[in-house]
Amino acid sequence: ALLLLQNPKREIQKILQFVGRSLPEETVDHIVHHTSFKEMKKNHMANYSTIPRDVMDHNVSAFMRKGVAGDWKTTFTVAQNERFDNDYAEKMAGCNLSFRSEV
């Protein structure tokens, strides 16, 4: 996901290549625009703002907050992050996917 932040057009082109499709550059640029954090944060179909308040209260915390990689450090304490890392390692044991949490 962080690679997408660094060069979204390249990553979209890699997906197109993987699925064996091609699109005009103008269409790829349109996809890049509409999948940007700024645009998705405004899009009710992407930002969970249509979910009932008793399920997710956006007044407490919006689903899409800042769109800044690594901002979790301003939210989680060191102890919370360690608990998350341990829980994640336990639940993802045997999975060879790797994710970056910082750019």
N, C-alpha and C. Protein backbone atom coordinates (compact mmCIF):
# COMPACT_ATOMS: atom_id res chain seq x y z
N ALA A 1 0.81 -1.19 0.00
CA ALA A 1 0.00 0.00 0.00
C ALA A 1 0.86 1.27 0.00
N LEU A 2 2.01 1.20 0.69
CA LEU A 2 2.85 2.39 0.73
C LEU A 2 3.51 2.66 -0.62
N LEU A 3 3.76 1.60 -1.40
CA LEU A 3 4.28 1.82 -2.75
C LEU A 3 3.28 2.62 -3.56
N LEU A 4 2.00 2.38 -3.29
CA LEU A 4 0.95 3.10 -3.98
C LEU A 4 1.04 4.59 -3.69
N LEU A 5 1.42 4.95 -2.48
CA LEU A 5 1.59 6.36 -2.14
C LEU A 5 2.77 6.97 -2.89
N GLN A 6 3.81 6.19 -3.11
CA GLN A 6 5.02 6.72 -3.73
C GLN A 6 4.84 6.92 -5.23
N ASN A 7 4.16 6.01 -5.90
CA ASN A 7 3.97 6.13 -7.34
C ASN A 7 2.70 5.37 -7.74
N PRO A 8 1.55 5.98 -7.49
CA PRO A 8 0.29 5.26 -7.72
C PRO A 8 0.09 4.84 -9.18
N LYS A 9 0.51 5.66 -10.11
CA LYS A 9 0.32 5.32 -11.52
C LYS A 9 1.07 4.04 -11.89
N ARG A 10 2.31 3.94 -11.42
CA ARG A 10 3.10 2.75 -11.70
C ARG A 10 2.44 1.50 -11.11
N GLU A 11 1.92 1.62 -9.90
CA GLU A 11 1.30 0.47 -9.24
C GLU A 11 0.00 0.06 -9.95
N ILE A 12 -0.76 1.01 -10.43
CA ILE A 12 -1.99 0.70 -11.18
C ILE A 12 -1.62 0.02 -12.50
N GLN A 13 -0.56 0.49 -13.14
CA GLN A 13 -0.11 -0.14 -14.38
C GLN A 13 0.36 -1.58 -14.12
N LYS A 14 0.98 -1.83 -12.98
CA LYS A 14 1.40 -3.19 -12.63
C LYS A 14 0.19 -4.10 -12.43
N ILE A 15 -0.86 -3.58 -11.83
CA ILE A 15 -2.09 -4.36 -11.65
C ILE A 15 -2.70 -4.67 -13.01
N LEU A 16 -2.75 -3.67 -13.88
CA LEU A 16 -3.29 -3.89 -15.23
C LEU A 16 -2.49 -4.97 -15.96
N GLN A 17 -1.18 -4.91 -15.86
CA GLN A 17 -0.33 -5.91 -16.51
C GLN A 17 -0.60 -7.29 -15.93
N PHE A 18 -0.76 -7.37 -14.61
CA PHE A 18 -1.01 -8.65 -13.95
C PHE A 18 -2.31 -9.29 -14.43
N VAL A 19 -3.35 -8.46 -14.62
CA VAL A 19 -4.64 -9.01 -15.07
C VAL A 19 -4.74 -9.08 -16.58
N GLY A 20 -3.65 -8.71 -17.27
CA GLY A 20 -3.63 -8.83 -18.73
C GLY A 20 -4.49 -7.82 -19.44
N ARG A 21 -4.59 -6.64 -18.92
CA ARG A 21 -5.41 -5.58 -19.53
C ARG A 21 -4.56 -4.34 -19.77
N SER A 22 -5.05 -3.49 -20.65
CA SER A 22 -4.42 -2.19 -20.86
C SER A 22 -5.53 -1.15 -20.93
N LEU A 23 -5.19 0.05 -20.55
CA LEU A 23 -6.14 1.17 -20.61
C LEU A 23 -5.42 2.39 -21.16
N PRO A 24 -6.17 3.29 -21.79
CA PRO A 24 -5.55 4.54 -22.23
C PRO A 24 -4.96 5.30 -21.04
N GLU A 25 -3.90 6.03 -21.28
CA GLU A 25 -3.23 6.77 -20.21
C GLU A 25 -4.20 7.71 -19.49
N GLU A 26 -5.10 8.32 -20.25
CA GLU A 26 -6.08 9.24 -19.66
C GLU A 26 -6.96 8.51 -18.63
N THR A 27 -7.33 7.27 -18.93
CA THR A 27 -8.14 6.48 -17.99
C THR A 27 -7.34 6.12 -16.75
N VAL A 28 -6.07 5.77 -16.93
CA VAL A 28 -5.21 5.46 -15.78
C VAL A 28 -5.07 6.71 -14.91
N ASP A 29 -4.89 7.87 -15.52
CA ASP A 29 -4.81 9.12 -14.75
C ASP A 29 -6.10 9.38 -13.98
N HIS A 30 -7.23 9.05 -14.58
CA HIS A 30 -8.54 9.20 -13.94
C HIS A 30 -8.62 8.28 -12.71
N ILE A 31 -8.14 7.06 -12.85
CA ILE A 31 -8.12 6.11 -11.73
C ILE A 31 -7.21 6.63 -10.63
N VAL A 32 -6.03 7.12 -11.00
CA VAL A 32 -5.10 7.68 -10.00
C VAL A 32 -5.77 8.79 -9.21
N HIS A 33 -6.47 9.68 -9.91
CA HIS A 33 -7.15 10.80 -9.25
C HIS A 33 -8.21 10.30 -8.27
N HIS A 34 -9.07 9.42 -8.72
CA HIS A 34 -10.21 8.99 -7.90
C HIS A 34 -9.84 8.00 -6.80
N THR A 35 -8.63 7.44 -6.85
CA THR A 35 -8.19 6.55 -5.78
C THR A 35 -7.20 7.23 -4.84
N SER A 36 -7.03 8.53 -5.00
CA SER A 36 -6.17 9.27 -4.07
C SER A 36 -6.87 9.35 -2.71
N PHE A 37 -6.10 9.46 -1.65
CA PHE A 37 -6.67 9.54 -0.31
C PHE A 37 -7.64 10.71 -0.22
N LYS A 38 -7.24 11.83 -0.76
CA LYS A 38 -8.07 13.05 -0.68
C LYS A 38 -9.45 12.82 -1.31
N GLU A 39 -9.48 12.19 -2.47
CA GLU A 39 -10.75 11.94 -3.15
C GLU A 39 -11.56 10.85 -2.46
N MET A 40 -10.89 9.79 -2.03
CA MET A 40 -11.61 8.69 -1.36
C MET A 40 -12.18 9.13 -0.01
N LYS A 41 -11.48 10.05 0.66
CA LYS A 41 -11.99 10.55 1.94
C LYS A 41 -13.30 11.29 1.75
N LYS A 42 -13.50 11.92 0.60
CA LYS A 42 -14.74 12.63 0.30
C LYS A 42 -15.83 11.71 -0.24
N ASN A 43 -15.46 10.52 -0.70
CA ASN A 43 -16.38 9.62 -1.38
C ASN A 43 -17.15 8.77 -0.36
N HIS A 44 -18.46 8.96 -0.28
CA HIS A 44 -19.29 8.22 0.68
C HIS A 44 -19.26 6.71 0.44
N MET A 45 -18.93 6.28 -0.77
CA MET A 45 -18.85 4.86 -1.06
C MET A 45 -17.53 4.25 -0.55
N ALA A 46 -16.58 5.09 -0.18
CA ALA A 46 -15.27 4.60 0.28
C ALA A 46 -14.98 4.93 1.74
N ASN A 47 -15.62 5.94 2.30
CA ASN A 47 -15.21 6.43 3.62
C ASN A 47 -16.07 5.93 4.79
N TYR A 48 -16.98 5.01 4.53
CA TYR A 48 -17.82 4.39 5.56
C TYR A 48 -18.75 5.39 6.25
N SER A 49 -18.95 6.56 5.69
CA SER A 49 -19.80 7.56 6.34
C SER A 49 -21.28 7.22 6.27
N THR A 50 -21.66 6.24 5.46
CA THR A 50 -23.08 5.87 5.36
C THR A 50 -23.45 4.78 6.37
N ILE A 51 -22.47 4.26 7.09
CA ILE A 51 -22.73 3.22 8.10
C ILE A 51 -23.44 3.87 9.30
N PRO A 52 -24.44 3.20 9.86
CA PRO A 52 -25.16 3.77 11.01
C PRO A 52 -24.23 4.13 12.16
N ARG A 53 -24.55 5.21 12.84
CA ARG A 53 -23.71 5.73 13.93
C ARG A 53 -23.49 4.71 15.04
N ASP A 54 -24.48 3.85 15.32
CA ASP A 54 -24.30 2.88 16.39
C ASP A 54 -23.29 1.79 16.02
N VAL A 55 -22.99 1.65 14.72
CA VAL A 55 -21.97 0.70 14.27
C VAL A 55 -20.60 1.38 14.22
N MET A 56 -20.57 2.60 13.68
CA MET A 56 -19.31 3.34 13.60
C MET A 56 -19.61 4.83 13.73
N ASP A 57 -19.21 5.39 14.85
CA ASP A 57 -19.47 6.80 15.12
C ASP A 57 -18.30 7.64 14.63
N HIS A 58 -18.49 8.31 13.51
CA HIS A 58 -17.43 9.13 12.92
C HIS A 58 -17.13 10.37 13.76
N ASN A 59 -17.99 10.71 14.70
CA ASN A 59 -17.68 11.82 15.61
C ASN A 59 -16.59 11.42 16.59
N VAL A 60 -16.46 10.13 16.87
CA VAL A 60 -15.39 9.64 17.74
C VAL A 60 -14.09 9.55 16.95
N SER A 61 -14.16 8.91 15.79
CA SER A 61 -12.99 8.78 14.92
C SER A 61 -13.45 8.45 13.52
N ALA A 62 -13.04 9.24 12.57
CA ALA A 62 -13.39 8.98 11.17
C ALA A 62 -12.65 7.74 10.69
N PHE A 63 -13.26 6.99 9.79
CA PHE A 63 -12.61 5.80 9.23
C PHE A 63 -11.33 6.21 8.52
N MET A 64 -11.40 7.26 7.73
CA MET A 64 -10.22 7.76 7.01
C MET A 64 -9.79 9.04 7.73
N ARG A 65 -8.64 8.96 8.38
CA ARG A 65 -8.22 10.09 9.21
C ARG A 65 -7.35 11.09 8.44
N LYS A 66 -6.04 10.84 8.35
CA LYS A 66 -5.13 11.82 7.76
C LYS A 66 -4.52 11.37 6.45
N GLY A 67 -4.38 10.08 6.27
CA GLY A 67 -3.73 9.58 5.06
C GLY A 67 -2.23 9.77 5.10
N VAL A 68 -1.67 9.73 6.30
CA VAL A 68 -0.23 9.92 6.48
C VAL A 68 0.38 8.61 6.95
N ALA A 69 1.29 8.07 6.16
CA ALA A 69 1.95 6.83 6.55
C ALA A 69 2.75 7.06 7.83
N GLY A 70 2.62 6.14 8.77
CA GLY A 70 3.36 6.24 10.02
C GLY A 70 2.67 7.05 11.10
N ASP A 71 1.48 7.60 10.81
CA ASP A 71 0.79 8.42 11.81
C ASP A 71 0.31 7.61 13.00
N TRP A 72 0.32 6.28 12.85
CA TRP A 72 -0.07 5.42 13.97
C TRP A 72 0.77 5.72 15.20
N LYS A 73 1.98 6.24 14.99
CA LYS A 73 2.88 6.53 16.11
C LYS A 73 2.32 7.64 17.01
N THR A 74 1.46 8.49 16.46
CA THR A 74 0.87 9.56 17.27
C THR A 74 -0.38 9.07 17.99
N THR A 75 -0.84 7.86 17.68
CA THR A 75 -2.05 7.31 18.28
C THR A 75 -1.73 6.20 19.28
N PHE A 76 -0.87 5.25 18.89
CA PHE A 76 -0.54 4.11 19.74
C PHE A 76 0.61 4.44 20.67
N THR A 77 0.52 3.93 21.88
CA THR A 77 1.67 3.99 22.78
C THR A 77 2.62 2.88 22.36
N VAL A 78 3.83 2.90 22.88
CA VAL A 78 4.81 1.85 22.59
C VAL A 78 4.25 0.50 23.03
N ALA A 79 3.61 0.46 24.19
CA ALA A 79 3.05 -0.80 24.71
C ALA A 79 1.92 -1.30 23.80
N GLN A 80 1.05 -0.40 23.33
CA GLN A 80 -0.03 -0.81 22.42
C GLN A 80 0.54 -1.35 21.12
N ASN A 81 1.56 -0.70 20.61
CA ASN A 81 2.18 -1.16 19.37
C ASN A 81 2.82 -2.53 19.55
N GLU A 82 3.45 -2.76 20.69
CA GLU A 82 4.04 -4.07 20.95
C GLU A 82 2.97 -5.15 21.03
N ARG A 83 1.84 -4.83 21.69
CA ARG A 83 0.73 -5.81 21.76
C ARG A 83 0.20 -6.10 20.37
N PHE A 84 0.05 -5.06 19.54
CA PHE A 84 -0.42 -5.26 18.18
C PHE A 84 0.55 -6.14 17.40
N ASP A 85 1.84 -5.81 17.47
CA ASP A 85 2.85 -6.59 16.75
C ASP A 85 2.83 -8.05 17.16
N ASN A 86 2.69 -8.32 18.46
CA ASN A 86 2.64 -9.70 18.94
C ASN A 86 1.39 -10.41 18.44
N ASP A 87 0.24 -9.76 18.52
CA ASP A 87 -1.01 -10.35 18.06
C ASP A 87 -0.96 -10.60 16.55
N TYR A 88 -0.43 -9.65 15.82
CA TYR A 88 -0.31 -9.79 14.37
C TYR A 88 0.61 -10.96 14.01
N ALA A 89 1.75 -11.05 14.68
CA ALA A 89 2.69 -12.14 14.41
C ALA A 89 2.05 -13.50 14.69
N GLU A 90 1.27 -13.57 15.76
CA GLU A 90 0.60 -14.83 16.11
C GLU A 90 -0.45 -15.21 15.06
N LYS A 91 -1.25 -14.25 14.66
CA LYS A 91 -2.33 -14.53 13.71
C LYS A 91 -1.83 -14.73 12.28
N MET A 92 -0.69 -14.18 11.95
CA MET A 92 -0.17 -14.27 10.59
C MET A 92 0.98 -15.28 10.48
N ALA A 93 1.18 -16.09 11.50
CA ALA A 93 2.25 -17.09 11.48
C ALA A 93 2.11 -17.96 10.23
N GLY A 94 3.21 -18.15 9.53
CA GLY A 94 3.21 -18.97 8.33
C GLY A 94 2.89 -18.21 7.06
N CYS A 95 2.47 -16.97 7.18
CA CYS A 95 2.17 -16.14 6.00
C CYS A 95 3.45 -15.46 5.55
N ASN A 96 3.73 -15.50 4.25
CA ASN A 96 4.98 -14.91 3.78
C ASN A 96 4.79 -13.51 3.20
N LEU A 97 3.62 -12.90 3.41
CA LEU A 97 3.42 -11.51 2.97
C LEU A 97 4.12 -10.58 3.94
N SER A 98 4.73 -9.53 3.41
CA SER A 98 5.33 -8.55 4.30
C SER A 98 4.74 -7.18 3.98
N PHE A 99 4.52 -6.41 5.03
CA PHE A 99 3.93 -5.10 4.88
C PHE A 99 4.85 -4.07 5.53
N ARG A 100 4.88 -2.90 4.92
CA ARG A 100 5.63 -1.78 5.51
C ARG A 100 4.65 -0.89 6.23
N SER A 101 5.02 -0.42 7.39
CA SER A 101 4.14 0.49 8.15
C SER A 101 4.68 1.91 8.13
N GLU A 102 5.79 2.11 7.41
CA GLU A 102 6.38 3.44 7.28
C GLU A 102 6.96 3.59 5.87
N VAL A 103 7.03 4.83 5.40
CA VAL A 103 7.63 5.10 4.10
C VAL A 103 9.09 5.38 4.32
